[in-house]
Protein backbone atom coordinates (compact mmCIF):
# COMPACT_ATOMS: atom_id res chain seq x y z
CA MET A 1 99.44 169.28 76.92
CA GLN A 2 100.86 166.49 79.07
CA GLN A 3 98.82 164.29 81.65
CA ILE A 4 100.89 163.96 84.92
CA ARG A 5 98.08 162.69 87.11
CA PRO A 6 94.74 161.29 86.24
CA ASP A 7 93.14 164.51 86.84
CA LEU A 8 96.04 166.96 86.22
CA TRP A 9 97.43 168.31 82.83
CA GLU A 10 100.55 170.46 82.19
CA THR A 11 100.72 172.91 79.48
CA ALA A 12 103.72 173.26 77.32
CA THR A 13 106.74 175.14 78.68
CA GLU A 14 106.97 178.82 78.10
CA ASN A 15 110.21 180.96 78.68
CA PRO A 16 109.15 184.54 79.79
CA ALA A 17 112.80 185.43 80.67
CA PRO A 18 116.32 183.94 80.12
CA GLY A 19 116.78 180.74 82.45
CA LEU A 20 113.19 181.03 83.50
CA LYS A 21 110.27 178.53 82.63
CA THR A 22 106.69 178.33 83.31
CA HIS A 23 103.70 176.10 82.95
CA ALA A 24 99.92 176.20 83.82
CA TYR A 25 98.03 173.21 85.15
CA LEU A 26 94.52 172.11 84.48
CA LEU A 27 92.74 170.28 87.25
CA THR A 28 89.93 168.12 85.53
CA ARG A 29 86.75 168.11 87.62
CA GLU A 30 83.10 166.83 87.26
CA SER A 31 81.97 170.13 88.44
CA GLY A 32 84.08 172.42 86.30
CA ASN A 33 87.78 172.37 85.44
CA LEU A 34 90.19 174.51 87.25
CA LEU A 35 93.15 176.11 85.63
CA PHE A 36 96.20 177.00 87.95
CA TYR A 37 98.56 179.80 86.85
CA ASN A 38 98.36 181.01 83.13
CA THR A 39 99.53 180.15 79.60
CA SER A 40 99.82 182.37 76.64
CA LEU A 41 99.87 179.47 74.10
CA ARG A 42 96.72 179.21 71.81
CA ARG A 43 97.19 175.69 71.03
CA GLU A 44 97.16 174.73 74.77
CA ILE A 45 93.96 176.78 75.28
CA GLU A 46 92.36 175.12 72.45
CA GLN A 47 93.36 171.49 73.81
CA MET A 48 91.69 172.61 77.00
CA THR A 49 88.51 172.53 75.01
CA GLU A 50 88.89 168.73 74.39
CA LEU A 51 89.22 168.30 78.01
CA GLY A 52 86.15 170.08 79.03
CA GLY A 53 87.05 173.69 78.99
CA VAL A 54 88.10 176.00 82.03
CA ALA A 55 85.44 176.97 84.60
CA TYR A 56 87.69 178.60 86.85
CA GLN A 57 91.30 180.07 86.76
CA PHE A 58 93.27 180.82 89.88
CA LEU A 59 96.29 182.78 89.79
CA SER A 60 98.90 182.70 92.50
CA HIS A 61 100.35 186.17 92.07
CA ARG A 62 100.34 189.16 89.75
CA ASP A 63 103.48 187.86 87.69
CA GLU A 64 101.12 185.46 85.87
CA LEU A 65 98.87 188.13 84.37
CA GLY A 66 98.69 188.50 80.58
CA ASP A 67 96.45 189.09 77.68
CA SER A 68 95.51 185.41 77.61
CA LEU A 69 93.48 185.85 80.75
CA LEU A 70 90.77 187.71 78.77
CA GLN A 71 91.26 185.14 75.79
CA ILE A 72 90.57 182.24 78.16
CA ARG A 73 87.58 183.96 79.91
CA GLN A 74 85.87 184.80 76.39
CA ARG A 75 86.78 181.36 75.14
CA PHE A 76 85.13 179.34 78.12
CA GLY A 77 83.21 181.67 80.25
CA THR A 78 85.93 181.38 82.94
CA GLN A 79 85.58 182.87 86.24
CA LEU A 80 89.06 184.36 87.50
CA GLY A 81 90.30 184.11 91.08
CA GLY A 82 93.14 186.07 92.71
CA HIS A 83 94.11 187.77 96.00
CA ARG A 84 92.42 191.19 96.92
CA GLU A 85 95.84 192.73 97.48
CA GLU A 86 96.48 192.45 93.74
CA HIS A 87 92.94 193.24 92.45
CA GLU A 88 94.00 196.39 90.69
CA ASP A 89 96.67 194.60 88.89
CA PHE A 90 94.51 191.75 87.79
CA SER A 91 91.44 193.95 86.62
CA ARG A 92 93.65 195.55 84.17
CA HIS A 93 93.65 192.44 82.25
CA ALA A 94 90.30 190.86 83.10
CA PRO A 95 87.39 191.06 85.50
CA VAL A 96 88.11 189.23 88.63
CA ASP A 97 85.13 187.00 90.05
CA ILE A 98 86.72 185.38 93.22
CA LEU A 99 88.75 187.48 95.64
CA PHE A 100 90.80 185.61 98.21
CA THR A 101 91.35 187.42 101.37
CA GLU A 102 92.07 184.84 104.00
CA ARG A 103 92.71 180.99 104.08
CA GLN A 104 89.58 179.17 103.03
CA MET A 105 88.37 175.95 101.53
CA LEU A 106 86.55 176.16 98.10
CA PHE A 107 84.52 173.77 96.21
CA GLY A 108 85.10 171.35 99.23
CA ASN A 109 88.59 170.32 98.32
CA ILE A 110 90.72 173.56 97.31
CA ASP A 111 92.57 174.89 100.22
CA VAL A 112 93.39 178.59 99.52
CA ILE A 113 96.45 179.61 101.41
CA PRO A 114 97.53 183.32 101.28
CA SER A 115 101.38 183.35 101.30
CA PRO A 116 102.52 187.00 100.98
CA GLY A 117 106.19 187.71 100.59
CA HIS A 118 107.17 187.19 96.90
CA SER A 119 104.24 189.76 96.12
CA PRO A 120 101.54 191.11 98.56
CA GLY A 121 98.97 188.89 97.05
CA SER A 122 100.93 185.66 96.56
CA THR A 123 98.78 182.69 97.29
CA CYS A 124 99.32 178.90 97.50
CA PHE A 125 96.75 176.04 96.84
CA LEU A 126 96.47 172.66 98.36
CA VAL A 127 94.11 170.37 96.32
CA HIS A 128 92.79 167.32 98.07
CA SER A 129 92.30 165.09 94.91
CA PRO A 130 89.51 162.55 94.74
CA THR A 131 92.44 160.20 93.73
CA GLY A 132 93.62 160.36 97.37
CA GLN A 133 96.73 162.53 96.66
CA ARG A 134 97.38 166.16 97.67
CA TYR A 135 98.71 168.67 95.09
CA LEU A 136 100.40 171.84 96.61
CA PHE A 137 100.59 174.70 94.02
CA THR A 138 103.38 177.04 95.44
CA GLY A 139 103.25 179.90 92.87
CA ASP A 140 106.64 181.73 93.38
CA THR A 141 106.46 181.51 97.25
CA LEU A 142 108.82 178.29 96.70
CA TYR A 143 110.39 177.60 93.22
CA ARG A 144 112.28 174.68 91.85
CA SER A 145 115.78 175.70 91.04
CA ALA A 146 118.30 174.32 88.55
CA ASP A 147 119.76 171.89 91.16
CA GLY A 148 116.31 170.53 91.98
CA SER A 149 116.02 172.24 95.34
CA TRP A 150 113.03 174.28 96.45
CA ARG A 151 113.99 177.95 97.12
CA ALA A 152 112.12 181.01 98.43
CA GLY A 153 111.25 183.40 95.87
CA PHE A 154 112.98 186.27 97.41
CA ILE A 155 114.45 188.46 94.72
CA PRO A 156 116.81 191.24 95.91
CA GLY A 157 115.68 194.54 94.08
CA HIS A 158 112.26 193.05 93.49
CA ASN A 159 111.55 192.36 97.15
CA SER A 160 112.22 194.84 100.02
CA PRO A 161 114.17 193.72 103.17
CA GLU A 162 110.79 193.71 105.08
CA ASP A 163 109.51 190.93 102.49
CA ARG A 164 112.17 188.50 103.81
CA GLN A 165 110.46 187.83 107.15
CA THR A 166 107.07 188.06 105.62
CA MET A 167 108.12 185.38 103.15
CA ALA A 168 109.66 183.27 105.88
CA THR A 169 106.44 183.27 107.75
CA SER A 170 104.49 182.12 104.70
CA ILE A 171 106.89 179.33 103.85
CA ALA A 172 106.85 178.10 107.64
CA GLY A 173 102.99 177.82 107.18
CA LEU A 174 103.38 175.32 104.36
CA ARG A 175 105.80 173.12 106.27
CA ASP A 176 103.05 170.67 107.75
CA LEU A 177 100.87 170.24 104.69
CA GLN A 178 102.37 166.82 103.77
CA PRO A 179 101.71 167.27 99.82
CA ASP A 180 102.39 164.25 97.44
CA LEU A 181 103.12 166.54 94.65
CA VAL A 182 104.49 170.03 94.75
CA ILE A 183 104.08 172.27 91.64
CA GLY A 184 105.68 175.76 91.30
CA SER A 185 104.66 178.45 88.84
CA ALA A 186 108.12 179.60 87.57
CA PHE A 187 111.15 177.36 87.79
CA SER A 188 114.76 177.08 86.51
CA GLY A 189 115.35 173.38 86.57
CA SER A 190 114.13 170.46 84.17
CA SER A 191 110.82 170.19 85.85
CA GLY A 192 108.54 172.51 87.70
CA PHE A 193 106.86 169.86 89.77
CA GLN A 194 108.14 167.17 92.05
CA GLU A 195 106.79 164.13 93.72
CA MET A 196 107.19 163.96 97.60
CA ARG A 197 107.94 161.01 99.79
CA ARG A 198 106.47 161.33 103.32
CA GLY A 199 108.51 163.77 105.40
CA GLU A 200 110.50 165.05 102.45
CA TRP A 201 108.50 168.25 101.94
CA GLN A 202 109.49 169.21 105.42
CA GLU A 203 113.05 168.78 104.75
CA HIS A 204 112.78 171.01 101.66
CA VAL A 205 110.99 173.78 103.58
CA ASP A 206 113.49 173.80 106.35
CA ILE A 207 116.51 174.12 103.82
CA ALA A 208 114.58 176.91 102.07
CA LEU A 209 114.12 178.73 105.32
CA GLU A 210 117.76 178.33 106.32
CA ARG A 211 118.73 179.82 102.94
CA LEU A 212 116.36 182.63 103.06
CA LEU A 213 117.23 183.70 106.65
CA GLY A 214 120.83 182.80 106.77
């Protein structure tokens, strides 16, 4: 695992499909570590033991499902969180303890933001870190492409035409969050996360919306 912030660790790269890469991210917290997304790498799961284990695991959408969910739960007693719209999909892999239905603040600093479009239960998370920074986990609602730009996770054939406007509404809702670090789930470039200067995120969102709707 690689430490990318004082309280944030990135797992090793996985390649679930040609040209597609993924990471999971462990947020270390005194009250219990939180894993965003998912990893199937046993060595990374074992390293989480040294960092204090995994009290909670939050998935952004159903594409992150896998057998490792149950392995992580059994290893650490992890509580799994995901959106109610995808509860049936989630429960095929592991019991779901926390169901998201609307925007809410959990644990005092985790802003849960339902963002349907890529999938019915797609969810983003804005972490207000004790370090003073804000980490935005976008799942596949917005992903970092090979050229370094952020693009909407609208996939013709996977998504319906109706999903385009749904996704546009979700992405527009992320525009004013002012994150310091943005972290996607799947990506195709050299890195799945990017530091943001003040105002830079709004520019990325505007371009992504133009590409999506244009």
